[in-house]
């Protein structure tokens, strides 16, 4: 295998015409130059220099290597500088995937702070709900997944680096004229006879589980992954809903009132990445900014 250090020696020998002059230019000894040239010729499998007395002349193979050496060494130097820029957060790229209510609340604050601190780091964002977002992370389609879970299933993320962000409590949403609109807190069983509007599939399953624990099965008349649509349907008097606090924070609940729901149910908001990715400076910096954004949420 041809090594970059050997190419540097060959280029110096070709430029100066001797081992001793090359040694002076490179700041090493003449025997060291001779040894490295022998190693390079062994790697190439053919002579690279013709020694005639004190003069050195390149063979045809030597001329080919010298011709390519400048480009190879320049490319290596550029690569080293680019890697150093990434390591020093002067450059870098992070692919982030987030669920919608996280995209509208935590993500903007975090990315604005990241850009201010490290303007050379670029972040792209796409939206996906778990478990699809976690699949994207494992398949290499993103570097960080902002996700959530409801209590159970701790083992599902054992292979990932989990950065806990916040506990997001579920909040009741009722029309302004609803009999419970002025209540400080509502037992979920008090909503047993209501028409329900459900959110994303994972939140929908959680709603059914909570209601069944309270002794009833919710009558879901409308289901949508779009939180503004849920709020709009409630505001129009078409039913009630239970949404995460983050989702309501990102939407103006026109025509609807929020109420605390008992028993309290929370979803855990986390940022996930792979163990190797967690060591990448730009990824680590993004995780830190997401953590800071969560403390202000």
Protein backbone atom coordinates (compact mmCIF):
# COMPACT_ATOMS: atom_id res chain seq x y z
CA UNK A 1 0.00 0.00 0.00
CA UNK A 2 1.32 3.42 -0.96
CA UNK A 3 1.39 5.78 2.03
CA UNK A 4 1.09 9.55 1.93
CA UNK A 5 4.32 10.05 3.90
CA UNK A 6 6.22 8.07 1.25
CA UNK A 7 4.75 10.23 -1.51
CA UNK A 8 5.92 13.34 0.31
CA UNK A 9 9.46 11.94 0.42
CA UNK A 10 9.37 10.99 -3.28
CA UNK A 11 8.19 14.45 -4.23
CA UNK A 12 11.00 16.04 -2.19
CA UNK A 13 13.62 13.77 -3.76
CA UNK A 14 12.33 14.56 -7.26
CA UNK A 15 12.38 18.30 -6.51
CA UNK A 16 15.85 18.42 -4.91
CA UNK A 17 17.62 15.67 -6.86
CA UNK A 18 19.19 13.86 -3.89
CA UNK A 19 18.40 12.05 -0.63
CA UNK A 20 20.49 14.44 1.43
CA UNK A 21 18.83 17.56 0.02
CA UNK A 22 15.41 15.97 0.46
CA UNK A 23 16.29 15.14 4.06
CA UNK A 24 17.19 18.78 4.74
CA UNK A 25 13.92 19.97 3.21
CA UNK A 26 11.85 17.46 5.19
CA UNK A 27 13.76 17.96 8.45
CA UNK A 28 14.88 14.34 8.82
CA UNK A 29 18.02 12.25 8.23
CA UNK A 30 19.35 10.97 4.91
CA UNK A 31 19.07 7.29 6.03
CA UNK A 32 15.41 7.92 6.90
CA UNK A 33 14.77 9.22 3.37
CA UNK A 34 16.55 6.22 1.88
CA UNK A 35 14.55 3.80 4.04
CA UNK A 36 11.22 5.37 3.09
CA UNK A 37 12.10 5.31 -0.61
CA UNK A 38 12.91 1.60 -0.36
CA UNK A 39 9.55 1.02 1.34
CA UNK A 40 7.77 2.96 -1.42
CA UNK A 41 9.50 0.98 -4.17
CA UNK A 42 8.55 -2.24 -2.38
CA UNK A 43 4.91 -1.10 -2.25
CA UNK A 44 4.95 -0.07 -5.92
CA UNK A 45 6.66 -3.30 -6.95
CA UNK A 46 9.01 -1.50 -9.33
CA UNK A 47 12.01 0.88 -9.17
CA UNK A 48 11.10 4.55 -8.92
CA UNK A 49 14.57 6.12 -8.98
CA UNK A 50 17.72 5.57 -11.00
CA UNK A 51 20.83 6.34 -8.94
CA UNK A 52 23.77 7.56 -11.02
CA UNK A 53 26.55 8.67 -8.74
CA UNK A 54 25.22 11.58 -6.71
CA UNK A 55 22.32 12.23 -9.05
CA UNK A 56 18.82 10.81 -8.81
CA UNK A 57 16.61 10.36 -11.83
CA UNK A 58 12.99 9.22 -11.87
CA UNK A 59 11.98 6.09 -13.72
CA UNK A 60 8.78 6.14 -15.77
CA UNK A 61 6.88 4.72 -12.78
CA UNK A 62 8.47 7.35 -10.55
CA UNK A 63 7.35 10.12 -12.89
CA UNK A 64 3.78 8.77 -12.79
CA UNK A 65 3.77 8.74 -8.99
CA UNK A 66 5.20 12.24 -8.72
CA UNK A 67 2.60 13.49 -11.20
CA UNK A 68 -0.20 12.09 -9.04
CA UNK A 69 1.43 12.88 -5.70
CA UNK A 70 0.56 16.59 -5.72
CA UNK A 71 -3.13 15.95 -6.33
CA UNK A 72 -3.26 13.13 -3.79
CA UNK A 73 -1.51 15.14 -1.08
CA UNK A 74 -3.57 18.25 -1.83
CA UNK A 75 -6.76 16.20 -1.58
CA UNK A 76 -5.59 14.66 1.69
CA UNK A 77 -4.79 18.10 3.11
CA UNK A 78 -8.22 19.37 2.07
CA UNK A 79 -9.87 16.34 3.68
CA UNK A 80 -7.92 16.86 6.90
CA UNK A 81 -8.96 20.52 6.99
CA UNK A 82 -12.61 19.65 6.33
CA UNK A 83 -12.63 17.00 9.07
CA UNK A 84 -10.98 19.48 11.45
CA UNK A 85 -13.73 22.01 10.61
CA UNK A 86 -16.41 19.44 11.41
CA UNK A 87 -14.68 18.44 14.64
CA UNK A 88 -14.40 22.10 15.60
CA UNK A 89 -18.07 22.82 14.71
CA UNK A 90 -17.04 25.25 11.99
CA UNK A 91 -18.90 22.93 9.61
CA UNK A 92 -21.12 19.88 9.78
CA UNK A 93 -24.56 18.55 8.97
CA UNK A 94 -27.29 17.13 11.19
CA UNK A 95 -30.41 15.42 9.85
CA UNK A 96 -33.25 15.80 12.36
CA UNK A 97 -36.63 14.10 12.30
CA UNK A 98 -39.38 15.24 14.68
CA UNK A 99 -43.06 14.71 15.41
CA UNK A 100 -45.18 17.77 14.49
CA UNK A 101 -45.80 19.31 17.91
CA UNK A 102 -42.08 19.01 18.67
CA UNK A 103 -41.27 20.67 15.33
CA UNK A 104 -43.36 23.71 16.21
CA UNK A 105 -42.22 24.12 19.83
CA UNK A 106 -38.85 22.63 20.83
CA UNK A 107 -37.10 22.51 17.45
CA UNK A 108 -37.24 26.22 16.44
CA UNK A 109 -35.74 27.37 19.76
CA UNK A 110 -33.02 24.73 19.65
CA UNK A 111 -32.02 25.36 16.04
CA UNK A 112 -31.96 29.12 16.45
CA UNK A 113 -29.56 28.75 19.39
CA UNK A 114 -27.45 26.24 17.45
CA UNK A 115 -27.16 28.56 14.45
CA UNK A 116 -26.16 31.47 16.68
CA UNK A 117 -23.44 29.42 18.41
CA UNK A 118 -22.26 27.41 15.38
CA UNK A 119 -23.29 29.12 12.12
CA UNK A 120 -21.33 26.63 10.03
CA UNK A 121 -23.46 23.69 11.18
CA UNK A 122 -26.43 22.93 8.89
CA UNK A 123 -29.53 21.13 10.13
CA UNK A 124 -32.24 19.63 7.94
CA UNK A 125 -35.69 18.74 9.32
CA UNK A 126 -38.36 16.28 8.26
CA UNK A 127 -41.44 15.21 10.19
CA UNK A 128 -42.43 11.70 11.22
CA UNK A 129 -44.23 10.20 14.20
CA UNK A 130 -42.75 7.33 16.18
CA UNK A 131 -42.25 4.47 15.50
CA UNK A 132 -41.45 5.56 11.92
CA UNK A 133 -38.99 8.20 13.13
CA UNK A 134 -37.08 5.59 15.15
CA UNK A 135 -36.98 3.30 12.11
CA UNK A 136 -35.48 6.18 10.10
CA UNK A 137 -32.75 6.61 12.73
CA UNK A 138 -31.85 2.92 12.74
CA UNK A 139 -31.91 2.79 8.93
CA UNK A 140 -29.46 5.71 8.65
CA UNK A 141 -31.96 8.22 7.25
CA UNK A 142 -31.45 10.72 10.07
CA UNK A 143 -28.97 11.54 12.86
CA UNK A 144 -31.39 12.55 15.62
CA UNK A 145 -35.01 11.53 16.17
CA UNK A 146 -37.24 13.61 18.42
CA UNK A 147 -39.78 11.11 19.73
CA UNK A 148 -42.16 10.31 22.56
CA UNK A 149 -43.58 7.32 24.42
CA UNK A 150 -46.23 6.63 27.02
CA UNK A 151 -44.63 4.85 29.95
CA UNK A 152 -44.27 1.28 28.71
CA UNK A 153 -41.88 -0.20 26.18
CA UNK A 154 -38.63 0.93 27.79
CA UNK A 155 -36.66 -1.86 26.10
CA UNK A 156 -37.56 -0.62 22.61
CA UNK A 157 -34.76 1.98 22.74
CA UNK A 158 -32.05 -0.06 24.49
CA UNK A 159 -29.74 0.14 21.45
CA UNK A 160 -30.01 3.94 21.24
CA UNK A 161 -28.66 6.92 23.15
CA UNK A 162 -31.67 8.45 24.90
CA UNK A 163 -31.60 12.13 25.91
CA UNK A 164 -34.69 12.80 28.11
CA UNK A 165 -36.16 16.23 27.40
CA UNK A 166 -39.43 16.72 29.26
CA UNK A 167 -42.65 15.15 30.53
CA UNK A 168 -45.58 16.37 28.43
CA UNK A 169 -48.90 16.11 30.28
CA UNK A 170 -52.11 15.38 28.42
CA UNK A 171 -54.64 18.19 28.59
CA UNK A 172 -58.40 18.07 28.02
CA UNK A 173 -59.94 20.24 25.33
CA UNK A 174 -63.66 21.09 25.33
CA UNK A 175 -65.81 23.62 23.46
CA UNK A 176 -66.17 27.05 25.12
CA UNK A 177 -69.84 26.44 25.89
CA UNK A 178 -69.29 22.97 27.33
CA UNK A 179 -70.67 22.21 30.80
CA UNK A 180 -67.10 21.51 32.03
CA UNK A 181 -65.38 24.45 30.29
CA UNK A 182 -64.92 26.40 33.54
CA UNK A 183 -63.58 23.47 35.58
CA UNK A 184 -60.06 23.48 36.98
CA UNK A 185 -59.78 19.71 36.61
CA UNK A 186 -61.97 17.04 35.05
CA UNK A 187 -62.05 13.32 35.74
CA UNK A 188 -61.85 11.59 32.39
CA UNK A 189 -64.86 9.44 33.31
CA UNK A 190 -66.96 12.64 33.29
CA UNK A 191 -66.44 12.69 29.52
CA UNK A 192 -67.60 9.13 28.95
CA UNK A 193 -70.74 10.08 27.00
CA UNK A 194 -69.03 12.68 24.80
CA UNK A 195 -68.19 12.50 21.13
CA UNK A 196 -64.38 12.23 20.89
CA UNK A 197 -61.85 13.63 18.45
CA UNK A 198 -58.63 11.63 18.42
CA UNK A 199 -55.12 12.54 17.29
CA UNK A 200 -52.20 10.50 15.92
CA UNK A 201 -52.38 6.67 16.01
CA UNK A 202 -50.10 6.33 19.06
CA UNK A 203 -52.01 9.06 20.93
CA UNK A 204 -55.27 7.42 19.85
CA UNK A 205 -54.25 4.10 21.39
CA UNK A 206 -53.26 5.90 24.57
CA UNK A 207 -56.64 7.67 24.71
CA UNK A 208 -58.51 4.37 24.41
CA UNK A 209 -56.32 2.77 27.13
CA UNK A 210 -56.89 5.66 29.56
CA UNK A 211 -60.64 5.70 28.95
CA UNK A 212 -60.96 1.95 29.34
CA UNK A 213 -59.08 2.14 32.64
CA UNK A 214 -61.72 4.69 33.71
CA UNK A 215 -64.47 2.21 32.79
CA UNK A 216 -65.64 3.27 29.34
CA UNK A 217 -64.73 3.07 25.65
CA UNK A 218 -64.60 6.46 23.93
CA UNK A 219 -66.88 7.01 20.94
CA UNK A 220 -64.38 8.40 18.41
CA UNK A 221 -66.30 10.27 15.72
CA UNK A 222 -63.29 12.04 14.18
CA UNK A 223 -59.62 11.09 13.93
CA UNK A 224 -56.84 13.19 12.44
CA UNK A 225 -53.05 13.48 12.74
CA UNK A 226 -53.36 17.26 12.36
CA UNK A 227 -53.51 18.94 15.78
CA UNK A 228 -54.91 22.25 14.46
CA UNK A 229 -57.72 20.20 12.92
CA UNK A 230 -58.43 18.56 16.30
CA UNK A 231 -58.59 21.99 17.94
CA UNK A 232 -60.81 23.31 15.16
CA UNK A 233 -63.25 20.43 15.48
CA UNK A 234 -63.48 20.89 19.25
CA UNK A 235 -63.89 24.65 18.82
CA UNK A 236 -66.79 24.03 16.44
CA UNK A 237 -68.54 22.04 19.14
CA UNK A 238 -68.17 18.66 17.45
CA UNK A 239 -66.62 16.85 20.39
CA UNK A 240 -63.94 16.77 23.06
CA UNK A 241 -60.31 15.71 22.92
CA UNK A 242 -57.24 15.00 25.01
CA UNK A 243 -54.04 16.39 23.56
CA UNK A 244 -50.42 16.76 24.73
CA UNK A 245 -49.66 20.19 26.19
CA UNK A 246 -47.00 20.76 23.50
CA UNK A 247 -49.59 20.28 20.78
CA UNK A 248 -51.93 22.87 22.29
CA UNK A 249 -49.03 25.28 22.85
CA UNK A 250 -48.39 25.37 19.10
CA UNK A 251 -52.05 26.11 18.19
CA UNK A 252 -54.38 28.93 19.22
CA UNK A 253 -57.41 27.03 20.60
CA UNK A 254 -60.08 29.31 19.11
CA UNK A 255 -63.53 28.40 20.44
CA UNK A 256 -62.10 25.79 22.82
CA UNK A 257 -61.03 25.67 26.46
CA UNK A 258 -58.29 23.59 28.06
CA UNK A 259 -58.90 21.72 31.33
CA UNK A 260 -56.65 19.55 33.45
CA UNK A 261 -57.54 15.87 33.19
CA UNK A 262 -57.41 13.37 36.05
CA UNK A 263 -55.81 10.92 36.45
CA UNK A 264 -52.72 12.69 35.08
CA UNK A 265 -51.18 11.09 32.01
CA UNK A 266 -47.80 12.14 30.63
CA UNK A 267 -45.81 11.26 27.59
CA UNK A 268 -42.02 11.27 27.75
CA UNK A 269 -40.35 13.49 25.14
CA UNK A 270 -36.83 12.40 24.20
CA UNK A 271 -34.13 12.95 21.61
CA UNK A 272 -32.62 9.74 20.25
CA UNK A 273 -29.45 9.01 18.36
CA UNK A 274 -27.08 6.10 17.72
CA UNK A 275 -24.08 5.59 20.06
CA UNK A 276 -21.49 6.40 17.36
CA UNK A 277 -23.42 9.47 16.19
CA UNK A 278 -23.54 10.80 19.76
CA UNK A 279 -19.76 11.35 19.51
CA UNK A 280 -20.07 13.58 16.42
CA UNK A 281 -19.64 17.21 17.58
CA UNK A 282 -22.52 18.66 15.54
CA UNK A 283 -24.91 15.94 16.74
CA UNK A 284 -23.82 16.40 20.36
CA UNK A 285 -24.29 20.19 20.09
CA UNK A 286 -27.79 19.73 18.63
CA UNK A 287 -28.75 17.38 21.48
CA UNK A 288 -27.51 19.96 23.99
CA UNK A 289 -29.61 22.72 22.39
CA UNK A 290 -32.71 20.50 22.34
CA UNK A 291 -32.17 19.86 26.06
CA UNK A 292 -31.89 23.59 26.77
CA UNK A 293 -35.00 24.32 24.68
CA UNK A 294 -36.95 21.72 26.69
CA UNK A 295 -36.08 23.44 29.97
CA UNK A 296 -37.68 26.62 28.61
CA UNK A 297 -40.78 24.89 27.23
